[in-house]
Amino acid sequence: MLPSYHFKVLIIEPNIFLTKPYHYLPNTYTLTRISDIRRAQIELKKSLPDLILLSASYPPKHSLRYLELIKKSMGERIIPILYVVDFSAKVSSILGTTWGGKVNILSTQTTQKEFFTAMRKIL
């Protein structure tokens, strides 16, 4: 099980209909779901999340723009980022996968147990 205390989670996902694996997040978490860079800027200026779930469905150029925005917004704070892969969409590359064991990748086929294991590693 995941920590039940209040967490702010920013979900950056272009597919507004995709619910898995996001539905595994506890009801006590505040979820903000966005799909464009302007909205990301607005949300990150309002408040920093405790966790970011970034879709691998974005082209690498867009993913890098999101990562740069997150980096500039964080200041000295460290915010864990999990990649989420939608296997119903074509994925040509996933940024950061050469980082070895420091990257957790979730997919639309991730089980609840796998989801919680990845989350416990970073929370």
PDB file of N, CA and C in Angstrom:
ATOM      1  N   MET A   1       0.836  -1.179   0.000  1.00  0.00           N
ATOM      2  CA  MET A   1       0.000   0.000   0.000  1.00  0.00           C
ATOM      3  C   MET A   1       0.888   1.253   0.000  1.00  0.00           C
ATOM      4  N   LEU A   2       0.386   2.331  -0.534  1.00  0.00           N
ATOM      5  CA  LEU A   2       1.114   3.600  -0.595  1.00  0.00           C
ATOM      6  C   LEU A   2       0.827   4.435   0.637  1.00  0.00           C
ATOM      7  N   PRO A   3       1.696   5.421   0.914  1.00  0.00           N
ATOM      8  CA  PRO A   3       1.398   6.329   2.020  1.00  0.00           C
ATOM      9  C   PRO A   3       0.029   6.972   1.809  1.00  0.00           C
ATOM     10  N   SER A   4      -0.746   7.073   2.878  1.00  0.00           N
ATOM     11  CA  SER A   4      -2.111   7.599   2.735  1.00  0.00           C
ATOM     12  C   SER A   4      -2.202   9.099   2.980  1.00  0.00           C
ATOM     13  N   TYR A   5      -1.100   9.715   3.403  1.00  0.00           N
ATOM     14  CA  TYR A   5      -1.155  11.153   3.653  1.00  0.00           C
ATOM     15  C   TYR A   5      -1.308  11.917   2.347  1.00  0.00           C
ATOM     16  N   HIS A   6      -1.680  13.160   2.477  1.00  0.00           N
ATOM     17  CA  HIS A   6      -2.004  13.998   1.319  1.00  0.00           C
ATOM     18  C   HIS A   6      -0.782  14.226   0.430  1.00  0.00           C
ATOM     19  N   PHE A   7      -0.935  13.917  -0.835  1.00  0.00           N
ATOM     20  CA  PHE A   7       0.110  14.118  -1.830  1.00  0.00           C
ATOM     21  C   PHE A   7      -0.478  14.894  -2.990  1.00  0.00           C
ATOM     22  N   LYS A   8       0.314  15.796  -3.572  1.00  0.00           N
ATOM     23  CA  LYS A   8      -0.093  16.486  -4.791  1.00  0.00           C
ATOM     24  C   LYS A   8       0.632  15.831  -5.954  1.00  0.00           C
ATOM     25  N   VAL A   9      -0.148  15.349  -6.932  1.00  0.00           N
ATOM     26  CA  VAL A   9       0.420  14.634  -8.074  1.00  0.00           C
ATOM     27  C   VAL A   9       0.064  15.386  -9.352  1.00  0.00           C
ATOM     28  N   LEU A  10       1.071  15.677 -10.154  1.00  0.00           N
ATOM     29  CA  LEU A  10       0.866  16.301 -11.455  1.00  0.00           C
ATOM     30  C   LEU A  10       0.993  15.207 -12.513  1.00  0.00           C
ATOM     31  N   ILE A  11      -0.086  14.994 -13.274  1.00  0.00           N
ATOM     32  CA  ILE A  11      -0.109  14.009 -14.345  1.00  0.00           C
ATOM     33  C   ILE A  11      -0.016  14.768 -15.669  1.00  0.00           C
ATOM     34  N   ILE A  12       1.036  14.497 -16.426  1.00  0.00           N
ATOM     35  CA  ILE A  12       1.232  15.138 -17.727  1.00  0.00           C
ATOM     36  C   ILE A  12       0.983  14.054 -18.774  1.00  0.00           C
ATOM     37  N   GLU A  13      -0.205  14.107 -19.383  1.00  0.00           N
ATOM     38  CA  GLU A  13      -0.679  13.021 -20.235  1.00  0.00           C
ATOM     39  C   GLU A  13      -1.509  13.577 -21.388  1.00  0.00           C
ATOM     40  N   PRO A  14      -1.130  13.290 -22.645  1.00  0.00           N
ATOM     41  CA  PRO A  14      -1.898  13.810 -23.769  1.00  0.00           C
ATOM     42  C   PRO A  14      -3.225  13.085 -24.008  1.00  0.00           C
ATOM     43  N   ASN A  15      -3.328  11.843 -23.568  1.00  0.00           N
ATOM     44  CA  ASN A  15      -4.539  11.054 -23.793  1.00  0.00           C
ATOM     45  C   ASN A  15      -5.510  11.273 -22.633  1.00  0.00           C
ATOM     46  N   ILE A  16      -6.499  12.127 -22.831  1.00  0.00           N
ATOM     47  CA  ILE A  16      -7.412  12.477 -21.736  1.00  0.00           C
ATOM     48  C   ILE A  16      -8.294  11.303 -21.314  1.00  0.00           C
ATOM     49  N   PHE A  17      -8.383  10.270 -22.146  1.00  0.00           N
ATOM     50  CA  PHE A  17      -9.223   9.121 -21.829  1.00  0.00           C
ATOM     51  C   PHE A  17      -8.468   8.014 -21.095  1.00  0.00           C
ATOM     52  N   LEU A  18      -7.155   8.142 -21.003  1.00  0.00           N
ATOM     53  CA  LEU A  18      -6.353   7.108 -20.354  1.00  0.00           C
ATOM     54  C   LEU A  18      -6.514   7.197 -18.836  1.00  0.00           C
ATOM     55  N   THR A  19      -6.958   6.121 -18.224  1.00  0.00           N
ATOM     56  CA  THR A  19      -7.133   6.116 -16.770  1.00  0.00           C
ATOM     57  C   THR A  19      -6.153   5.186 -16.073  1.00  0.00           C
ATOM     58  N   LYS A  20      -5.705   4.147 -16.752  1.00  0.00           N
ATOM     59  CA  LYS A  20      -4.773   3.215 -16.157  1.00  0.00           C
ATOM     60  C   LYS A  20      -3.363   3.652 -16.481  1.00  0.00           C
ATOM     61  N   PRO A  21      -2.452   3.718 -15.571  1.00  0.00           N
ATOM     62  CA  PRO A  21      -2.457   3.252 -14.194  1.00  0.00           C
ATOM     63  C   PRO A  21      -2.848   4.321 -13.167  1.00  0.00           C
ATOM     64  N   TYR A  22      -3.321   5.473 -13.621  1.00  0.00           N
ATOM     65  CA  TYR A  22      -3.587   6.584 -12.706  1.00  0.00           C
ATOM     66  C   TYR A  22      -4.661   6.265 -11.669  1.00  0.00           C
ATOM     67  N   HIS A  23      -5.567   5.372 -11.999  1.00  0.00           N
ATOM     68  CA  HIS A  23      -6.644   5.062 -11.061  1.00  0.00           C
ATOM     69  C   HIS A  23      -6.137   4.302  -9.837  1.00  0.00           C
ATOM     70  N   TYR A  24      -4.886   3.865  -9.838  1.00  0.00           N
ATOM     71  CA  TYR A  24      -4.313   3.207  -8.661  1.00  0.00           C
ATOM     72  C   TYR A  24      -3.938   4.209  -7.559  1.00  0.00           C
ATOM     73  N   LEU A  25      -3.835   5.477  -7.902  1.00  0.00           N
ATOM     74  CA  LEU A  25      -3.454   6.468  -6.898  1.00  0.00           C
ATOM     75  C   LEU A  25      -4.555   6.584  -5.839  1.00  0.00           C
ATOM     76  N   PRO A  26      -4.169   6.696  -4.566  1.00  0.00           N
ATOM     77  CA  PRO A  26      -5.173   6.786  -3.496  1.00  0.00           C
ATOM     78  C   PRO A  26      -6.076   8.009  -3.643  1.00  0.00           C
ATOM     79  N   ASN A  27      -7.278   7.889  -3.157  1.00  0.00           N
ATOM     80  CA  ASN A  27      -8.252   8.988  -3.198  1.00  0.00           C
ATOM     81  C   ASN A  27      -7.815  10.190  -2.380  1.00  0.00           C
ATOM     82  N   THR A  28      -6.900   9.984  -1.454  1.00  0.00           N
ATOM     83  CA  THR A  28      -6.431  11.090  -0.622  1.00  0.00           C
ATOM     84  C   THR A  28      -5.440  11.993  -1.354  1.00  0.00           C
ATOM     85  N   TYR A  29      -4.970  11.555  -2.513  1.00  0.00           N
ATOM     86  CA  TYR A  29      -4.030  12.356  -3.291  1.00  0.00           C
ATOM     87  C   TYR A  29      -4.803  13.377  -4.126  1.00  0.00           C
ATOM     88  N   THR A  30      -4.236  14.564  -4.264  1.00  0.00           N
ATOM     89  CA  THR A  30      -4.806  15.573  -5.142  1.00  0.00           C
ATOM     90  C   THR A  30      -4.156  15.420  -6.509  1.00  0.00           C
ATOM     91  N   LEU A  31      -4.976  15.122  -7.509  1.00  0.00           N
ATOM     92  CA  LEU A  31      -4.463  14.893  -8.853  1.00  0.00           C
ATOM     93  C   LEU A  31      -4.776  16.085  -9.744  1.00  0.00           C
ATOM     94  N   THR A  32      -3.758  16.569 -10.438  1.00  0.00           N
ATOM     95  CA  THR A  32      -3.936  17.609 -11.455  1.00  0.00           C
ATOM     96  C   THR A  32      -3.456  17.009 -12.754  1.00  0.00           C
ATOM     97  N   ARG A  33      -4.340  16.969 -13.717  1.00  0.00           N
ATOM     98  CA  ARG A  33      -4.017  16.342 -15.000  1.00  0.00           C
ATOM     99  C   ARG A  33      -3.953  17.416 -16.074  1.00  0.00           C
ATOM    100  N   ILE A  34      -2.842  17.445 -16.804  1.00  0.00           N
ATOM    101  CA  ILE A  34      -2.658  18.433 -17.857  1.00  0.00           C
ATOM    102  C   ILE A  34      -2.167  17.746 -19.123  1.00  0.00           C
ATOM    103  N   SER A  35      -2.308  18.455 -20.250  1.00  0.00           N
ATOM    104  CA  SER A  35      -1.837  17.861 -21.499  1.00  0.00           C
ATOM    105  C   SER A  35      -1.049  18.842 -22.361  1.00  0.00           C
ATOM    106  N   ASP A  36      -0.862  20.076 -21.885  1.00  0.00           N
ATOM    107  CA  ASP A  36      -0.097  21.027 -22.701  1.00  0.00           C
ATOM    108  C   ASP A  36       0.865  21.830 -21.827  1.00  0.00           C
ATOM    109  N   ILE A  37       1.898  22.350 -22.477  1.00  0.00           N
ATOM    110  CA  ILE A  37       2.994  23.023 -21.778  1.00  0.00           C
ATOM    111  C   ILE A  37       2.542  24.306 -21.076  1.00  0.00           C
ATOM    112  N   ARG A  38       1.605  25.044 -21.658  1.00  0.00           N
ATOM    113  CA  ARG A  38       1.132  26.283 -21.012  1.00  0.00           C
ATOM    114  C   ARG A  38       0.448  25.983 -19.698  1.00  0.00           C
ATOM    115  N   ARG A  39      -0.369  24.967 -19.688  1.00  0.00           N
ATOM    116  CA  ARG A  39      -1.052  24.579 -18.439  1.00  0.00           C
ATOM    117  C   ARG A  39      -0.040  24.083 -17.410  1.00  0.00           C
ATOM    118  N   ALA A  40       1.002  23.404 -17.873  1.00  0.00           N
ATOM    119  CA  ALA A  40       2.066  22.948 -16.963  1.00  0.00           C
ATOM    120  C   ALA A  40       2.738  24.138 -16.296  1.00  0.00           C
ATOM    121  N   GLN A  41       3.022  25.175 -17.067  1.00  0.00           N
ATOM    122  CA  GLN A  41       3.634  26.379 -16.499  1.00  0.00           C
ATOM    123  C   GLN A  41       2.744  26.987 -15.423  1.00  0.00           C
ATOM    124  N   ILE A  42       1.461  27.074 -15.707  1.00  0.00           N
ATOM    125  CA  ILE A  42       0.505  27.646 -14.746  1.00  0.00           C
ATOM    126  C   ILE A  42       0.468  26.813 -13.471  1.00  0.00           C
ATOM    127  N   GLU A  43       0.343  25.511 -13.607  1.00  0.00           N
ATOM    128  CA  GLU A  43       0.239  24.631 -12.441  1.00  0.00           C
ATOM    129  C   GLU A  43       1.518  24.647 -11.607  1.00  0.00           C
ATOM    130  N   LEU A  44       2.682  24.651 -12.267  1.00  0.00           N
ATOM    131  CA  LEU A  44       3.940  24.649 -11.524  1.00  0.00           C
ATOM    132  C   LEU A  44       4.202  25.987 -10.835  1.00  0.00           C
ATOM    133  N   LYS A  45       3.630  27.078 -11.354  1.00  0.00           N
ATOM    134  CA  LYS A  45       3.758  28.376 -10.676  1.00  0.00           C
ATOM    135  C   LYS A  45       2.859  28.432  -9.443  1.00  0.00           C
ATOM    136  N   LYS A  46       1.679  27.792  -9.532  1.00  0.00           N
ATOM    137  CA  LYS A  46       0.742  27.782  -8.398  1.00  0.00           C
ATOM    138  C   LYS A  46       1.350  27.062  -7.202  1.00  0.00           C
ATOM    139  N   SER A  47       1.795  25.836  -7.433  1.00  0.00           N
ATOM    140  CA  SER A  47       2.427  25.054  -6.366  1.00  0.00           C
ATOM    141  C   SER A  47       3.138  23.855  -6.972  1.00  0.00           C
ATOM    142  N   LEU A  48       4.177  23.430  -6.302  1.00  0.00           N
ATOM    143  CA  LEU A  48       4.944  22.291  -6.795  1.00  0.00           C
ATOM    144  C   LEU A  48       4.299  20.990  -6.324  1.00  0.00           C
ATOM    145  N   PRO A  49       4.234  20.008  -7.198  1.00  0.00           N
ATOM    146  CA  PRO A  49       3.685  18.715  -6.790  1.00  0.00           C
ATOM    147  C   PRO A  49       4.705  17.916  -5.991  1.00  0.00           C
ATOM    148  N   ASP A  50       4.230  16.857  -5.352  1.00  0.00           N
ATOM    149  CA  ASP A  50       5.112  15.931  -4.641  1.00  0.00           C
ATOM    150  C   ASP A  50       5.603  14.822  -5.564  1.00  0.00           C
ATOM    151  N   LEU A  51       4.893  14.644  -6.663  1.00  0.00           N
ATOM    152  CA  LEU A  51       5.208  13.596  -7.620  1.00  0.00           C
ATOM    153  C   LEU A  51       4.707  14.028  -8.987  1.00  0.00           C
ATOM    154  N   ILE A  52       5.466  13.671 -10.042  1.00  0.00           N
ATOM    155  CA  ILE A  52       5.044  13.948 -11.418  1.00  0.00           C
ATOM    156  C   ILE A  52       5.009  12.634 -12.179  1.00  0.00           C
ATOM    157  N   LEU A  53       3.885  12.386 -12.850  1.00  0.00           N
ATOM    158  CA  LEU A  53       3.755  11.245 -13.752  1.00  0.00           C
ATOM    159  C   LEU A  53       3.764  11.812 -15.167  1.00  0.00           C
ATOM    160  N   LEU A  54       4.805  11.494 -15.934  1.00  0.00           N
ATOM    161  CA  LEU A  54       4.996  12.055 -17.267  1.00  0.00           C
ATOM    162  C   LEU A  54       4.784  10.976 -18.321  1.00  0.00           C
ATOM    163  N   SER A  55       3.873  11.222 -19.224  1.00  0.00           N
ATOM    164  CA  SER A  55       3.583  10.266 -20.291  1.00  0.00           C
ATOM    165  C   SER A  55       4.746  10.175 -21.268  1.00  0.00           C
ATOM    166  N   ALA A  56       5.062   8.956 -21.663  1.00  0.00           N
ATOM    167  CA  ALA A  56       6.087   8.735 -22.684  1.00  0.00           C
ATOM    168  C   ALA A  56       5.495   8.849 -24.081  1.00  0.00           C
ATOM    169  N   SER A  57       4.208   9.191 -24.167  1.00  0.00           N
ATOM    170  CA  SER A  57       3.552   9.327 -25.469  1.00  0.00           C
ATOM    171  C   SER A  57       3.916  10.624 -26.186  1.00  0.00           C
ATOM    172  N   TYR A  58       4.512  11.559 -25.471  1.00  0.00           N
ATOM    173  CA  TYR A  58       4.933  12.802 -26.115  1.00  0.00           C
ATOM    174  C   TYR A  58       6.181  12.542 -26.963  1.00  0.00           C
ATOM    175  N   PRO A  59       6.336  13.256 -28.066  1.00  0.00           N
ATOM    176  CA  PRO A  59       7.590  13.147 -28.823  1.00  0.00           C
ATOM    177  C   PRO A  59       8.755  13.606 -27.928  1.00  0.00           C
ATOM    178  N   PRO A  60       9.966  13.079 -28.151  1.00  0.00           N
ATOM    179  CA  PRO A  60      11.105  13.447 -27.297  1.00  0.00           C
ATOM    180  C   PRO A  60      11.289  14.959 -27.131  1.00  0.00           C
ATOM    181  N   LYS A  61      11.074  15.732 -28.194  1.00  0.00           N
ATOM    182  CA  LYS A  61      11.233  17.195 -28.108  1.00  0.00           C
ATOM    183  C   LYS A  61      10.280  17.788 -27.062  1.00  0.00           C
ATOM    184  N   HIS A  62       9.029  17.320 -27.042  1.00  0.00           N
ATOM    185  CA  HIS A  62       8.058  17.813 -26.070  1.00  0.00           C
ATOM    186  C   HIS A  62       8.410  17.340 -24.658  1.00  0.00           C
ATOM    187  N   SER A  63       8.846  16.093 -24.540  1.00  0.00           N
ATOM    188  CA  SER A  63       9.248  15.581 -23.227  1.00  0.00           C
ATOM    189  C   SER A  63      10.376  16.409 -22.637  1.00  0.00           C
ATOM    190  N   LEU A  64      11.344  16.764 -23.495  1.00  0.00           N
ATOM    191  CA  LEU A  64      12.455  17.600 -23.021  1.00  0.00           C
ATOM    192  C   LEU A  64      11.973  18.974 -22.573  1.00  0.00           C
ATOM    193  N   ARG A  65      10.992  19.541 -23.278  1.00  0.00           N
ATOM    194  CA  ARG A  65      10.434  20.840 -22.878  1.00  0.00           C
ATOM    195  C   ARG A  65       9.775  20.732 -21.503  1.00  0.00           C
ATOM    196  N   TYR A  66       9.031  19.650 -21.274  1.00  0.00           N
ATOM    197  CA  TYR A  66       8.419  19.443 -19.956  1.00  0.00           C
ATOM    198  C   TYR A  66       9.488  19.280 -18.886  1.00  0.00           C
ATOM    199  N   LEU A  67      10.517  18.490 -19.173  1.00  0.00           N
ATOM    200  CA  LEU A  67      11.571  18.280 -18.182  1.00  0.00           C
ATOM    201  C   LEU A  67      12.320  19.570 -17.873  1.00  0.00           C
ATOM    202  N   GLU A  68      12.574  20.390 -18.880  1.00  0.00           N
ATOM    203  CA  GLU A  68      13.223  21.689 -18.652  1.00  0.00           C
ATOM    204  C   GLU A  68      12.348  22.596 -17.791  1.00  0.00           C
ATOM    205  N   LEU A  69      11.064  22.631 -18.070  1.00  0.00           N
ATOM    206  CA  LEU A  69      10.131  23.430 -17.284  1.00  0.00           C
ATOM    207  C   LEU A  69      10.102  22.951 -15.834  1.00  0.00           C
ATOM    208  N   ILE A  70      10.041  21.657 -15.641  1.00  0.00           N
ATOM    209  CA  ILE A  70      10.034  21.092 -14.286  1.00  0.00           C
ATOM    210  C   ILE A  70      11.322  21.452 -13.568  1.00  0.00           C
ATOM    211  N   LYS A  71      12.442  21.299 -14.251  1.00  0.00           N
ATOM    212  CA  LYS A  71      13.751  21.611 -13.661  1.00  0.00           C
ATOM    213  C   LYS A  71      13.822  23.070 -13.215  1.00  0.00           C
ATOM    214  N   LYS A  72      13.352  23.989 -14.062  1.00  0.00           N
ATOM    215  CA  LYS A  72      13.377  25.416 -13.710  1.00  0.00           C
ATOM    216  C   LYS A  72      12.435  25.730 -12.556  1.00  0.00           C
ATOM    217  N   SER A  73      11.345  25.013 -12.460  1.00  0.00           N
ATOM    218  CA  SER A  73      10.337  25.282 -11.432  1.00  0.00           C
ATOM    219  C   SER A  73      10.716  24.725 -10.067  1.00  0.00           C
ATOM    220  N   MET A  74      11.525  23.676 -10.033  1.00  0.00           N
ATOM    221  CA  MET A  74      11.822  22.976  -8.785  1.00  0.00           C
ATOM    222  C   MET A  74      12.678  23.764  -7.808  1.00  0.00           C
ATOM    223  N   GLY A  75      13.548  24.613  -8.299  1.00  0.00           N
ATOM    224  CA  GLY A  75      14.486  25.275  -7.404  1.00  0.00           C
ATOM    225  C   GLY A  75      15.419  24.236  -6.810  1.00  0.00           C
ATOM    226  N   GLU A  76      15.500  24.203  -5.483  1.00  0.00           N
ATOM    227  CA  GLU A  76      16.372  23.248  -4.790  1.00  0.00           C
ATOM    228  C   GLU A  76      15.640  21.954  -4.437  1.00  0.00           C
ATOM    229  N   ARG A  77      14.372  21.906  -4.680  1.00  0.00           N
ATOM    230  CA  ARG A  77      13.563  20.758  -4.305  1.00  0.00           C
ATOM    231  C   ARG A  77      13.729  19.619  -5.315  1.00  0.00           C
ATOM    232  N   ILE A  78      13.661  18.393  -4.835  1.00  0.00           N
ATOM    233  CA  ILE A  78      13.712  17.220  -5.702  1.00  0.00           C
ATOM    234  C   ILE A  78      12.302  16.650  -5.796  1.00  0.00           C
ATOM    235  N   ILE A  79      11.819  16.509  -7.028  1.00  0.00           N
ATOM    236  CA  ILE A  79      10.485  15.961  -7.261  1.00  0.00           C
ATOM    237  C   ILE A  79      10.643  14.680  -8.082  1.00  0.00           C
ATOM    238  N   PRO A  80      10.187  13.550  -7.549  1.00  0.00           N
ATOM    239  CA  PRO A  80      10.291  12.314  -8.332  1.00  0.00           C
ATOM    240  C   PRO A  80       9.397  12.365  -9.576  1.00  0.00           C
ATOM    241  N   ILE A  81       9.906  11.788 -10.656  1.00  0.00           N
ATOM    242  CA  ILE A  81       9.168  11.725 -11.919  1.00  0.00           C
ATOM    243  C   ILE A  81       9.097  10.262 -12.344  1.00  0.00           C
ATOM    244  N   LEU A  82       7.898   9.803 -12.653  1.00  0.00           N
ATOM    245  CA  LEU A  82       7.704   8.463 -13.192  1.00  0.00           C
ATOM    246  C   LEU A  82       7.201   8.583 -14.621  1.00  0.00           C
ATOM    247  N   TYR A  83       7.778   7.795 -15.510  1.00  0.00           N
ATOM    248  CA  TYR A  83       7.289   7.743 -16.881  1.00  0.00           C
ATOM    249  C   TYR A  83       6.139   6.743 -16.951  1.00  0.00           C
ATOM    250  N   VAL A  84       5.131   7.085 -17.719  1.00  0.00           N
ATOM    251  CA  VAL A  84       4.000   6.189 -17.938  1.00  0.00           C
ATOM    252  C   VAL A  84       3.917   5.921 -19.439  1.00  0.00           C
ATOM    253  N   VAL A  85       3.934   4.652 -19.800  1.00  0.00           N
ATOM    254  CA  VAL A  85       3.899   4.254 -21.200  1.00  0.00           C
ATOM    255  C   VAL A  85       2.503   3.737 -21.533  1.00  0.00           C
ATOM    256  N   ASP A  86       1.894   4.326 -22.554  1.00  0.00           N
ATOM    257  CA  ASP A  86       0.594   3.882 -23.061  1.00  0.00           C
ATOM    258  C   ASP A  86       0.872   2.945 -24.233  1.00  0.00           C
ATOM    259  N   PHE A  87       0.736   1.643 -24.002  1.00  0.00           N
ATOM    260  CA  PHE A  87       1.071   0.677 -25.046  1.00  0.00           C
ATOM    261  C   PHE A  87       0.083   0.678 -26.206  1.00  0.00           C
ATOM    262  N   SER A  88      -1.014   1.428 -26.082  1.00  0.00           N
ATOM    263  CA  SER A  88      -1.927   1.528 -27.224  1.00  0.00           C
ATOM    264  C   SER A  88      -1.428   2.566 -28.230  1.00  0.00           C
ATOM    265  N   ALA A  89      -0.440   3.369 -27.833  1.00  0.00           N
ATOM    266  CA  ALA A  89       0.149   4.373 -28.724  1.00  0.00           C
ATOM    267  C   ALA A  89       1.572   3.950 -29.071  1.00  0.00           C
ATOM    268  N   LYS A  90       2.031   4.351 -30.235  1.00  0.00           N
ATOM    269  CA  LYS A  90       3.392   4.023 -30.664  1.00  0.00           C
ATOM    270  C   LYS A  90       4.401   4.807 -29.828  1.00  0.00           C
ATOM    271  N   VAL A  91       5.390   4.110 -29.311  1.00  0.00           N
ATOM    272  CA  VAL A  91       6.453   4.746 -28.535  1.00  0.00           C
ATOM    273  C   VAL A  91       7.766   4.429 -29.233  1.00  0.00           C
ATOM    274  N   SER A  92       8.429   5.465 -29.747  1.00  0.00           N
ATOM    275  CA  SER A  92       9.683   5.232 -30.453  1.00  0.00           C
ATOM    276  C   SER A  92      10.883   5.325 -29.518  1.00  0.00           C
ATOM    277  N   SER A  93      10.749   6.090 -28.456  1.00  0.00           N
ATOM    278  CA  SER A  93      11.840   6.193 -27.483  1.00  0.00           C
ATOM    279  C   SER A  93      11.292   6.734 -26.176  1.00  0.00           C
ATOM    280  N   ILE A  94      12.004   6.428 -25.110  1.00  0.00           N
ATOM    281  CA  ILE A  94      11.624   6.934 -23.788  1.00  0.00           C
ATOM    282  C   ILE A  94      12.846   7.627 -23.208  1.00  0.00           C
ATOM    283  N   LEU A  95      12.716   8.927 -23.015  1.00  0.00           N
ATOM    284  CA  LEU A  95      13.838   9.688 -22.474  1.00  0.00           C
ATOM    285  C   LEU A  95      14.248   9.140 -21.114  1.00  0.00           C
ATOM    286  N   GLY A  96      15.562   9.070 -20.893  1.00  0.00           N
ATOM    287  CA  GLY A  96      16.060   8.695 -19.575  1.00  0.00           C
ATOM    288  C   GLY A  96      16.223   7.213 -19.346  1.00  0.00           C
ATOM    289  N   THR A  97      15.854   6.382 -20.294  1.00  0.00           N
ATOM    290  CA  THR A  97      15.958   4.951 -20.037  1.00  0.00           C
ATOM    291  C   THR A  97      17.401   4.476 -19.977  1.00  0.00           C
ATOM    292  N   THR A  98      18.338   5.304 -20.380  1.00  0.00           N
ATOM    293  CA  THR A  98      19.744   4.918 -20.262  1.00  0.00           C
ATOM    294  C   THR A  98      20.282   5.200 -18.857  1.00  0.00           C
ATOM    295  N   TRP A  99      19.421   5.704 -17.970  1.00  0.00           N
ATOM    296  CA  TRP A  99      19.853   5.972 -16.599  1.00  0.00           C
ATOM    297  C   TRP A  99      19.861   4.725 -15.736  1.00  0.00           C
ATOM    298  N   GLY A 100      19.556   3.590 -16.315  1.00  0.00           N
ATOM    299  CA  GLY A 100      19.601   2.330 -15.585  1.00  0.00           C
ATOM    300  C   GLY A 100      18.545   2.236 -14.512  1.00  0.00           C
ATOM    301  N   GLY A 101      18.949   1.788 -13.330  1.00  0.00           N
ATOM    302  CA  GLY A 101      18.023   1.515 -12.242  1.00  0.00           C
ATOM    303  C   GLY A 101      17.380   2.729 -11.615  1.00  0.00           C
ATOM    304  N   LYS A 102      17.733   3.919 -12.038  1.00  0.00           N
ATOM    305  CA  LYS A 102      17.166   5.121 -11.446  1.00  0.00           C
ATOM    306  C   LYS A 102      15.861   5.537 -12.105  1.00  0.00           C
ATOM    307  N   VAL A 103      15.410   4.800 -13.111  1.00  0.00           N
ATOM    308  CA  VAL A 103      14.188   5.139 -13.828  1.00  0.00           C
ATOM    309  C   VAL A 103      13.144   4.064 -13.594  1.00  0.00           C
ATOM    310  N   ASN A 104      11.942   4.477 -13.212  1.00  0.00           N
ATOM    311  CA  ASN A 104      10.807   3.558 -13.109  1.00  0.00           C
ATOM    312  C   ASN A 104       9.862   3.884 -14.247  1.00  0.00           C
ATOM    313  N   ILE A 105       9.431   2.861 -14.954  1.00  0.00           N
ATOM    314  CA  ILE A 105       8.513   3.072 -16.065  1.00  0.00           C
ATOM    315  C   ILE A 105       7.231   2.297 -15.792  1.00  0.00           C
ATOM    316  N   LEU A 106       6.128   3.011 -15.789  1.00  0.00           N
ATOM    317  CA  LEU A 106       4.818   2.395 -15.617  1.00  0.00           C
ATOM    318  C   LEU A 106       4.145   2.341 -16.971  1.00  0.00           C
ATOM    319  N   SER A 107       3.273   1.394 -17.146  1.00  0.00           N
ATOM    320  CA  SER A 107       2.563   1.293 -18.417  1.00  0.00           C
ATOM    321  C   SER A 107       1.084   1.059 -18.171  1.00  0.00           C
ATOM    322  N   THR A 108       0.336   1.079 -19.247  1.00  0.00           N
ATOM    323  CA  THR A 108      -1.094   0.806 -19.140  1.00  0.00           C
ATOM    324  C   THR A 108      -1.346  -0.660 -18.813  1.00  0.00           C
ATOM    325  N   GLN A 109      -0.310  -1.476 -18.870  1.00  0.00           N
ATOM    326  CA  GLN A 109      -0.440  -2.882 -18.503  1.00  0.00           C
ATOM    327  C   GLN A 109       0.175  -3.174 -17.141  1.00  0.00           C
ATOM    328  N   THR A 110       0.583  -2.146 -16.433  1.00  0.00           N
ATOM    329  CA  THR A 110       1.152  -2.288 -15.101  1.00  0.00           C
ATOM    330  C   THR A 110       0.072  -2.774 -14.137  1.00  0.00           C
ATOM    331  N   THR A 111       0.422  -3.773 -13.338  1.00  0.00           N
ATOM    332  CA  THR A 111      -0.522  -4.252 -12.322  1.00  0.00           C
ATOM    333  C   THR A 111      -0.484  -3.315 -11.124  1.00  0.00           C
ATOM    334  N   GLN A 112      -1.467  -3.446 -10.271  1.00  0.00           N
ATOM    335  CA  GLN A 112      -1.505  -2.616  -9.069  1.00  0.00           C
ATOM    336  C   GLN A 112      -0.274  -2.880  -8.200  1.00  0.00           C
ATOM    337  N   LYS A 113       0.139  -4.138  -8.095  1.00  0.00           N
ATOM    338  CA  LYS A 113       1.322  -4.478  -7.299  1.00  0.00           C
ATOM    339  C   LYS A 113       2.573  -3.802  -7.866  1.00  0.00           C
ATOM    340  N   GLU A 114       2.760  -3.860  -9.196  1.00  0.00           N
ATOM    341  CA  GLU A 114       3.914  -3.218  -9.831  1.00  0.00           C
ATOM    342  C   GLU A 114       3.866  -1.698  -9.632  1.00  0.00           C
ATOM    343  N   PHE A 115       2.662  -1.137  -9.735  1.00  0.00           N
ATOM    344  CA  PHE A 115       2.485   0.305  -9.533  1.00  0.00           C
ATOM    345  C   PHE A 115       2.926   0.691  -8.122  1.00  0.00           C
ATOM    346  N   PHE A 116       2.437  -0.032  -7.122  1.00  0.00           N
ATOM    347  CA  PHE A 116       2.775   0.287  -5.734  1.00  0.00           C
ATOM    348  C   PHE A 116       4.264   0.070  -5.450  1.00  0.00           C
ATOM    349  N   THR A 117       4.862  -0.961  -6.055  1.00  0.00           N
ATOM    350  CA  THR A 117       6.293  -1.204  -5.871  1.00  0.00           C
ATOM    351  C   THR A 117       7.113  -0.024  -6.402  1.00  0.00           C
ATOM    352  N   ALA A 118       6.769   0.457  -7.588  1.00  0.00           N
ATOM    353  CA  ALA A 118       7.490   1.603  -8.160  1.00  0.00           C
ATOM    354  C   ALA A 118       7.288   2.850  -7.307  1.00  0.00           C
ATOM    355  N   MET A 119       6.078   3.065  -6.827  1.00  0.00           N
ATOM    356  CA  MET A 119       5.794   4.245  -6.009  1.00  0.00           C
ATOM    357  C   MET A 119       6.538   4.188  -4.679  1.00  0.00           C
ATOM    358  N   ARG A 120       6.590   3.018  -4.057  1.00  0.00           N
ATOM    359  CA  ARG A 120       7.289   2.888  -2.757  1.00  0.00           C
ATOM    360  C   ARG A 120       8.781   3.182  -2.886  1.00  0.00           C
ATOM    361  N   LYS A 121       9.354   2.922  -4.064  1.00  0.00           N
ATOM    362  CA  LYS A 121      10.775   3.195  -4.284  1.00  0.00           C
ATOM    363  C   LYS A 121      11.086   4.674  -4.174  1.00  0.00           C
ATOM    364  N   ILE A 122      10.106   5.520  -4.516  1.00  0.00           N
ATOM    365  CA  ILE A 122      10.390   6.943  -4.566  1.00  0.00           C
ATOM    366  C   ILE A 122       9.713   7.765  -3.467  1.00  0.00           C
ATOM    367  N   LEU A 123       8.743   7.195  -2.785  1.00  0.00           N
ATOM    368  CA  LEU A 123       8.040   7.953  -1.741  1.00  0.00           C
ATOM    369  C   LEU A 123       8.578   7.636  -0.380  1.00  0.00           C
TER     370      LEU A 123
END
